Amino acid sequence: MLKKIVIVIVVFLLVGTTSYFLHIFLLEEEVERFIPLLQKAYIFHFSFSLVLLLSFLVLAQFNKYFEQLGFIYMGLLVLKIIIFAGFFYPQLLGDNLLSRFYRASLLIPVIVFLPLEVIFISKILQGKKA
């Protein structure tokens, strides 16, 4: 199990940092107020996804919880979206609106970390059944 935990952490660090620096590099102009917001978005998705996966690795060891992990994941995914929308509401929909380009750019971390979550969760769920 320790090997799986290390693999998850290394993959998340590698993909997250590479994606962040590539994202910053591809932004043509650095907007002073957008970069900290982008950092917060990456940190939020990185930490939430990593804690979720590490928790699932631990919970998968118990047969009592293993059968419910798929439903737990769906609920936590909805919770993640709600928390993200709550944190970034002023910039996405509220008073401090960003341009469409930057609002869409703020969703790139979702596109980066969600497939990683799904891949690792599916491996956890399939690994126990095999």
N, C-alpha and C. Protein backbone atom coordinates (compact mmCIF):
# COMPACT_ATOMS: atom_id res chain seq x y z
N MET A 1 0.83 -1.19 0.00
CA MET A 1 0.00 0.00 0.00
C MET A 1 0.87 1.26 0.00
N LEU A 2 2.01 1.20 0.66
CA LEU A 2 2.91 2.35 0.70
C LEU A 2 3.40 2.71 -0.71
N LYS A 3 3.65 1.67 -1.51
CA LYS A 3 4.09 1.90 -2.89
C LYS A 3 3.01 2.63 -3.69
N LYS A 4 1.74 2.25 -3.50
CA LYS A 4 0.64 2.90 -4.21
C LYS A 4 0.51 4.36 -3.78
N ILE A 5 0.69 4.61 -2.49
CA ILE A 5 0.59 5.98 -1.98
C ILE A 5 1.69 6.85 -2.58
N VAL A 6 2.90 6.33 -2.62
CA VAL A 6 4.02 7.08 -3.19
C VAL A 6 3.78 7.35 -4.68
N ILE A 7 3.28 6.36 -5.39
CA ILE A 7 3.00 6.54 -6.83
C ILE A 7 1.96 7.64 -7.04
N VAL A 8 0.90 7.62 -6.25
CA VAL A 8 -0.15 8.63 -6.38
C VAL A 8 0.42 10.02 -6.12
N ILE A 9 1.19 10.16 -5.05
CA ILE A 9 1.76 11.47 -4.70
C ILE A 9 2.71 11.96 -5.79
N VAL A 10 3.58 11.08 -6.27
CA VAL A 10 4.55 11.47 -7.30
C VAL A 10 3.84 11.87 -8.60
N VAL A 11 2.86 11.09 -9.01
CA VAL A 11 2.14 11.41 -10.25
C VAL A 11 1.40 12.73 -10.11
N PHE A 12 0.75 12.95 -8.98
CA PHE A 12 0.03 14.20 -8.79
C PHE A 12 0.97 15.39 -8.75
N LEU A 13 2.10 15.25 -8.07
CA LEU A 13 3.07 16.35 -8.04
C LEU A 13 3.62 16.63 -9.43
N LEU A 14 3.98 15.59 -10.14
CA LEU A 14 4.56 15.76 -11.47
C LEU A 14 3.57 16.39 -12.45
N VAL A 15 2.38 15.83 -12.51
CA VAL A 15 1.37 16.34 -13.45
C VAL A 15 0.90 17.74 -13.03
N GLY A 16 0.69 17.94 -11.75
CA GLY A 16 0.21 19.24 -11.27
C GLY A 16 1.20 20.36 -11.50
N THR A 17 2.47 20.14 -11.14
CA THR A 17 3.46 21.21 -11.33
C THR A 17 3.75 21.45 -12.81
N THR A 18 3.82 20.38 -13.59
CA THR A 18 4.05 20.54 -15.03
C THR A 18 2.90 21.33 -15.66
N SER A 19 1.68 20.96 -15.31
CA SER A 19 0.52 21.64 -15.85
C SER A 19 0.49 23.11 -15.43
N TYR A 20 0.80 23.38 -14.17
CA TYR A 20 0.77 24.76 -13.68
C TYR A 20 1.78 25.63 -14.42
N PHE A 21 3.03 25.16 -14.49
CA PHE A 21 4.06 25.98 -15.13
C PHE A 21 3.82 26.11 -16.64
N LEU A 22 3.29 25.08 -17.26
CA LEU A 22 2.93 25.17 -18.68
C LEU A 22 1.78 26.16 -18.88
N HIS A 23 0.84 26.13 -17.97
CA HIS A 23 -0.30 27.05 -18.01
C HIS A 23 0.18 28.50 -17.88
N ILE A 24 1.06 28.75 -16.93
CA ILE A 24 1.60 30.09 -16.74
C ILE A 24 2.39 30.52 -17.98
N PHE A 25 3.17 29.60 -18.52
CA PHE A 25 3.99 29.91 -19.70
C PHE A 25 3.12 30.26 -20.91
N LEU A 26 2.01 29.55 -21.07
CA LEU A 26 1.16 29.77 -22.23
C LEU A 26 0.28 31.01 -22.12
N LEU A 27 0.12 31.53 -20.91
CA LEU A 27 -0.61 32.79 -20.78
C LEU A 27 0.26 33.88 -21.39
N GLU A 28 -0.25 34.56 -22.37
CA GLU A 28 0.55 35.54 -23.10
C GLU A 28 0.95 36.72 -22.23
N GLU A 29 0.05 37.17 -21.42
CA GLU A 29 0.35 38.30 -20.54
C GLU A 29 0.03 37.89 -19.11
N GLU A 30 0.89 38.26 -18.24
CA GLU A 30 0.65 37.92 -16.83
C GLU A 30 -0.21 39.01 -16.21
N VAL A 31 -1.39 38.63 -15.84
CA VAL A 31 -2.28 39.55 -15.16
C VAL A 31 -2.03 39.39 -13.66
N GLU A 32 -1.69 40.48 -13.02
CA GLU A 32 -1.26 40.44 -11.62
C GLU A 32 -2.32 39.81 -10.70
N ARG A 33 -3.57 40.10 -10.93
CA ARG A 33 -4.58 39.57 -10.01
C ARG A 33 -5.04 38.16 -10.38
N PHE A 34 -4.68 37.68 -11.58
CA PHE A 34 -5.13 36.36 -12.00
C PHE A 34 -4.19 35.25 -11.55
N ILE A 35 -2.89 35.49 -11.51
CA ILE A 35 -1.91 34.46 -11.16
C ILE A 35 -2.16 33.90 -9.76
N PRO A 36 -2.37 34.73 -8.72
CA PRO A 36 -2.67 34.14 -7.40
C PRO A 36 -3.96 33.33 -7.39
N LEU A 37 -4.93 33.76 -8.17
CA LEU A 37 -6.19 33.03 -8.27
C LEU A 37 -5.97 31.67 -8.93
N LEU A 38 -5.14 31.64 -9.96
CA LEU A 38 -4.81 30.40 -10.64
C LEU A 38 -4.04 29.46 -9.70
N GLN A 39 -3.14 30.02 -8.90
CA GLN A 39 -2.41 29.21 -7.92
C GLN A 39 -3.37 28.58 -6.92
N LYS A 40 -4.32 29.36 -6.45
CA LYS A 40 -5.31 28.83 -5.50
C LYS A 40 -6.14 27.71 -6.13
N ALA A 41 -6.49 27.87 -7.40
CA ALA A 41 -7.27 26.83 -8.08
C ALA A 41 -6.47 25.54 -8.19
N TYR A 42 -5.20 25.65 -8.57
CA TYR A 42 -4.36 24.45 -8.67
C TYR A 42 -4.15 23.81 -7.30
N ILE A 43 -3.91 24.62 -6.28
CA ILE A 43 -3.71 24.07 -4.94
C ILE A 43 -4.98 23.40 -4.44
N PHE A 44 -6.13 24.02 -4.69
CA PHE A 44 -7.40 23.42 -4.26
C PHE A 44 -7.62 22.06 -4.91
N HIS A 45 -7.49 22.00 -6.22
CA HIS A 45 -7.75 20.74 -6.92
C HIS A 45 -6.69 19.68 -6.59
N PHE A 46 -5.45 20.10 -6.48
CA PHE A 46 -4.38 19.18 -6.12
C PHE A 46 -4.64 18.58 -4.74
N SER A 47 -4.89 19.42 -3.75
CA SER A 47 -5.05 18.93 -2.38
C SER A 47 -6.33 18.11 -2.22
N PHE A 48 -7.43 18.58 -2.79
CA PHE A 48 -8.69 17.84 -2.65
C PHE A 48 -8.57 16.46 -3.31
N SER A 49 -8.02 16.43 -4.51
CA SER A 49 -7.89 15.16 -5.23
C SER A 49 -6.93 14.21 -4.53
N LEU A 50 -5.83 14.75 -4.03
CA LEU A 50 -4.85 13.90 -3.36
C LEU A 50 -5.41 13.33 -2.07
N VAL A 51 -6.06 14.15 -1.26
CA VAL A 51 -6.67 13.65 -0.02
C VAL A 51 -7.74 12.62 -0.33
N LEU A 52 -8.53 12.87 -1.36
CA LEU A 52 -9.57 11.93 -1.76
C LEU A 52 -8.98 10.58 -2.14
N LEU A 53 -7.94 10.59 -2.96
CA LEU A 53 -7.33 9.33 -3.40
C LEU A 53 -6.64 8.59 -2.27
N LEU A 54 -5.95 9.32 -1.41
CA LEU A 54 -5.30 8.66 -0.28
C LEU A 54 -6.33 8.06 0.67
N SER A 55 -7.43 8.76 0.86
CA SER A 55 -8.51 8.21 1.69
C SER A 55 -9.10 6.96 1.06
N PHE A 56 -9.27 6.98 -0.25
CA PHE A 56 -9.82 5.81 -0.93
C PHE A 56 -8.86 4.63 -0.87
N LEU A 57 -7.57 4.89 -0.95
CA LEU A 57 -6.60 3.80 -0.82
C LEU A 57 -6.72 3.13 0.55
N VAL A 58 -6.94 3.93 1.57
CA VAL A 58 -7.09 3.38 2.92
C VAL A 58 -8.44 2.68 3.06
N LEU A 59 -9.51 3.32 2.61
CA LEU A 59 -10.85 2.73 2.75
C LEU A 59 -11.03 1.47 1.92
N ALA A 60 -10.28 1.33 0.84
CA ALA A 60 -10.40 0.14 -0.01
C ALA A 60 -9.91 -1.11 0.72
N GLN A 61 -9.16 -0.93 1.78
CA GLN A 61 -8.66 -2.07 2.55
C GLN A 61 -9.76 -2.72 3.40
N PHE A 62 -10.83 -1.99 3.64
CA PHE A 62 -11.92 -2.49 4.47
C PHE A 62 -13.09 -2.91 3.58
N ASN A 63 -13.49 -4.16 3.68
CA ASN A 63 -14.59 -4.67 2.86
C ASN A 63 -15.90 -3.94 3.14
N LYS A 64 -16.05 -3.47 4.37
CA LYS A 64 -17.27 -2.78 4.76
C LYS A 64 -17.50 -1.52 3.91
N TYR A 65 -16.41 -0.81 3.59
CA TYR A 65 -16.52 0.44 2.84
C TYR A 65 -16.29 0.27 1.35
N PHE A 66 -15.63 -0.80 0.95
CA PHE A 66 -15.25 -0.95 -0.45
C PHE A 66 -16.45 -0.96 -1.38
N GLU A 67 -17.51 -1.61 -0.98
CA GLU A 67 -18.71 -1.70 -1.83
C GLU A 67 -19.35 -0.34 -2.08
N GLN A 68 -19.10 0.61 -1.19
CA GLN A 68 -19.74 1.92 -1.29
C GLN A 68 -18.84 2.99 -1.89
N LEU A 69 -17.61 2.66 -2.24
CA LEU A 69 -16.65 3.67 -2.68
C LEU A 69 -17.10 4.42 -3.94
N GLY A 70 -17.74 3.76 -4.86
CA GLY A 70 -18.22 4.43 -6.07
C GLY A 70 -19.24 5.51 -5.75
N PHE A 71 -20.16 5.20 -4.84
CA PHE A 71 -21.17 6.17 -4.45
C PHE A 71 -20.55 7.30 -3.64
N ILE A 72 -19.60 6.96 -2.79
CA ILE A 72 -18.90 7.98 -2.02
C ILE A 72 -18.17 8.93 -2.96
N TYR A 73 -17.54 8.38 -3.99
CA TYR A 73 -16.81 9.22 -4.94
C TYR A 73 -17.75 10.18 -5.66
N MET A 74 -18.90 9.71 -6.09
CA MET A 74 -19.84 10.60 -6.77
C MET A 74 -20.29 11.73 -5.86
N GLY A 75 -20.57 11.41 -4.60
CA GLY A 75 -20.96 12.45 -3.65
C GLY A 75 -19.84 13.45 -3.40
N LEU A 76 -18.62 12.95 -3.26
CA LEU A 76 -17.49 13.84 -3.03
C LEU A 76 -17.17 14.69 -4.26
N LEU A 77 -17.44 14.18 -5.43
CA LEU A 77 -17.23 14.96 -6.65
C LEU A 77 -18.20 16.15 -6.69
N VAL A 78 -19.44 15.91 -6.31
CA VAL A 78 -20.42 17.00 -6.24
C VAL A 78 -19.99 18.01 -5.17
N LEU A 79 -19.52 17.50 -4.02
CA LEU A 79 -19.05 18.38 -2.95
C LEU A 79 -17.86 19.22 -3.43
N LYS A 80 -16.97 18.62 -4.17
CA LYS A 80 -15.80 19.34 -4.69
C LYS A 80 -16.24 20.48 -5.61
N ILE A 81 -17.20 20.22 -6.47
CA ILE A 81 -17.71 21.25 -7.38
C ILE A 81 -18.36 22.39 -6.60
N ILE A 82 -19.12 22.04 -5.58
CA ILE A 82 -19.79 23.06 -4.76
C ILE A 82 -18.77 23.92 -4.02
N ILE A 83 -17.77 23.28 -3.43
CA ILE A 83 -16.74 24.03 -2.70
C ILE A 83 -15.96 24.93 -3.66
N PHE A 84 -15.60 24.39 -4.83
CA PHE A 84 -14.87 25.19 -5.82
C PHE A 84 -15.69 26.39 -6.25
N ALA A 85 -16.96 26.17 -6.54
CA ALA A 85 -17.83 27.28 -6.95
C ALA A 85 -17.98 28.30 -5.82
N GLY A 86 -18.02 27.82 -4.57
CA GLY A 86 -18.10 28.74 -3.45
C GLY A 86 -16.86 29.59 -3.27
N PHE A 87 -15.70 28.98 -3.40
CA PHE A 87 -14.44 29.72 -3.26
C PHE A 87 -14.25 30.73 -4.38
N PHE A 88 -14.59 30.35 -5.58
CA PHE A 88 -14.30 31.18 -6.75
C PHE A 88 -15.54 31.85 -7.32
N TYR A 89 -16.61 31.92 -6.55
CA TYR A 89 -17.85 32.53 -7.02
C TYR A 89 -17.67 33.99 -7.46
N PRO A 90 -16.99 34.83 -6.66
CA PRO A 90 -16.87 36.23 -7.09
C PRO A 90 -16.18 36.39 -8.45
N GLN A 91 -15.21 35.55 -8.73
CA GLN A 91 -14.49 35.68 -9.99
C GLN A 91 -15.22 35.00 -11.15
N LEU A 92 -15.95 33.94 -10.85
CA LEU A 92 -16.64 33.21 -11.91
C LEU A 92 -18.00 33.81 -12.25
N LEU A 93 -18.77 34.18 -11.22
CA LEU A 93 -20.14 34.63 -11.46
C LEU A 93 -20.52 35.90 -10.71
N GLY A 94 -19.71 36.31 -9.76
CA GLY A 94 -20.10 37.41 -8.87
C GLY A 94 -19.64 38.78 -9.32
N ASP A 95 -19.25 39.58 -8.34
CA ASP A 95 -18.92 40.98 -8.57
C ASP A 95 -17.59 41.20 -9.29
N ASN A 96 -16.59 40.39 -8.99
CA ASN A 96 -15.25 40.56 -9.57
C ASN A 96 -15.09 39.70 -10.82
N LEU A 97 -15.96 39.86 -11.76
CA LEU A 97 -15.94 39.00 -12.95
C LEU A 97 -14.65 39.13 -13.74
N LEU A 98 -14.13 37.99 -14.13
CA LEU A 98 -12.99 37.95 -15.04
C LEU A 98 -13.52 37.84 -16.46
N SER A 99 -12.66 38.08 -17.42
CA SER A 99 -13.07 37.90 -18.81
C SER A 99 -13.31 36.41 -19.06
N ARG A 100 -13.99 36.09 -20.13
CA ARG A 100 -14.30 34.69 -20.43
C ARG A 100 -13.05 33.84 -20.57
N PHE A 101 -12.02 34.41 -21.14
CA PHE A 101 -10.77 33.68 -21.32
C PHE A 101 -10.20 33.25 -19.98
N TYR A 102 -10.17 34.16 -19.01
CA TYR A 102 -9.60 33.84 -17.71
C TYR A 102 -10.54 32.95 -16.89
N ARG A 103 -11.84 33.11 -17.07
CA ARG A 103 -12.76 32.19 -16.39
C ARG A 103 -12.58 30.77 -16.92
N ALA A 104 -12.43 30.64 -18.23
CA ALA A 104 -12.19 29.31 -18.81
C ALA A 104 -10.82 28.79 -18.38
N SER A 105 -9.86 29.67 -18.29
CA SER A 105 -8.52 29.29 -17.88
C SER A 105 -8.51 28.80 -16.44
N LEU A 106 -9.41 29.32 -15.64
CA LEU A 106 -9.52 28.90 -14.24
C LEU A 106 -10.05 27.47 -14.13
N LEU A 107 -10.67 26.96 -15.17
CA LEU A 107 -11.20 25.60 -15.17
C LEU A 107 -10.20 24.57 -15.68
N ILE A 108 -9.04 25.00 -16.15
CA ILE A 108 -8.02 24.07 -16.63
C ILE A 108 -7.58 23.09 -15.53
N PRO A 109 -7.40 23.54 -14.27
CA PRO A 109 -7.04 22.57 -13.23
C PRO A 109 -8.08 21.45 -13.06
N VAL A 110 -9.34 21.77 -13.29
CA VAL A 110 -10.38 20.73 -13.23
C VAL A 110 -10.11 19.69 -14.31
N ILE A 111 -9.80 20.17 -15.52
CA ILE A 111 -9.55 19.29 -16.65
C ILE A 111 -8.29 18.46 -16.44
N VAL A 112 -7.34 18.98 -15.69
CA VAL A 112 -6.09 18.26 -15.43
C VAL A 112 -6.29 17.20 -14.35
N PHE A 113 -6.91 17.57 -13.23
CA PHE A 113 -6.95 16.66 -12.08
C PHE A 113 -8.12 15.68 -12.11
N LEU A 114 -9.22 16.01 -12.77
CA LEU A 114 -10.35 15.08 -12.81
C LEU A 114 -10.02 13.76 -13.51
N PRO A 115 -9.38 13.77 -14.68
CA PRO A 115 -9.02 12.47 -15.28
C PRO A 115 -8.05 11.66 -14.42
N LEU A 116 -7.13 12.35 -13.74
CA LEU A 116 -6.22 11.64 -12.83
C LEU A 116 -7.00 10.95 -11.72
N GLU A 117 -7.95 11.69 -11.14
CA GLU A 117 -8.80 11.10 -10.10
C GLU A 117 -9.51 9.86 -10.62
N VAL A 118 -10.13 10.00 -11.77
CA VAL A 118 -10.93 8.90 -12.32
C VAL A 118 -10.05 7.69 -12.61
N ILE A 119 -8.88 7.91 -13.18
CA ILE A 119 -7.97 6.79 -13.49
C ILE A 119 -7.57 6.06 -12.22
N PHE A 120 -7.15 6.80 -11.20
CA PHE A 120 -6.71 6.15 -9.96
C PHE A 120 -7.87 5.51 -9.20
N ILE A 121 -9.02 6.16 -9.18
CA ILE A 121 -10.19 5.57 -8.50
C ILE A 121 -10.60 4.29 -9.21
N SER A 122 -10.61 4.29 -10.53
CA SER A 122 -11.00 3.06 -11.25
C SER A 122 -9.99 1.95 -11.00
N LYS A 123 -8.71 2.29 -10.89
CA LYS A 123 -7.71 1.26 -10.57
C LYS A 123 -7.91 0.71 -9.17
N ILE A 124 -8.27 1.57 -8.24
CA ILE A 124 -8.53 1.11 -6.87
C ILE A 124 -9.73 0.17 -6.87
N LEU A 125 -10.80 0.56 -7.57
CA LEU A 125 -12.01 -0.26 -7.57
C LEU A 125 -11.82 -1.57 -8.34
N GLN A 126 -11.06 -1.55 -9.42
CA GLN A 126 -10.82 -2.78 -10.19
C GLN A 126 -9.80 -3.67 -9.51
N GLY A 127 -8.85 -3.09 -8.83
CA GLY A 127 -7.80 -3.87 -8.18
C GLY A 127 -8.33 -4.79 -7.10
N LYS A 128 -9.33 -4.35 -6.41
CA LYS A 128 -9.90 -5.16 -5.33
C LYS A 128 -10.78 -6.28 -5.89
N LYS A 129 -11.42 -6.03 -7.02
CA LYS A 129 -12.32 -7.04 -7.60
C LYS A 129 -11.55 -8.17 -8.27
N ALA A 130 -10.36 -7.86 -8.76
CA ALA A 130 -9.58 -8.87 -9.49
C ALA A 130 -9.02 -9.94 -8.59
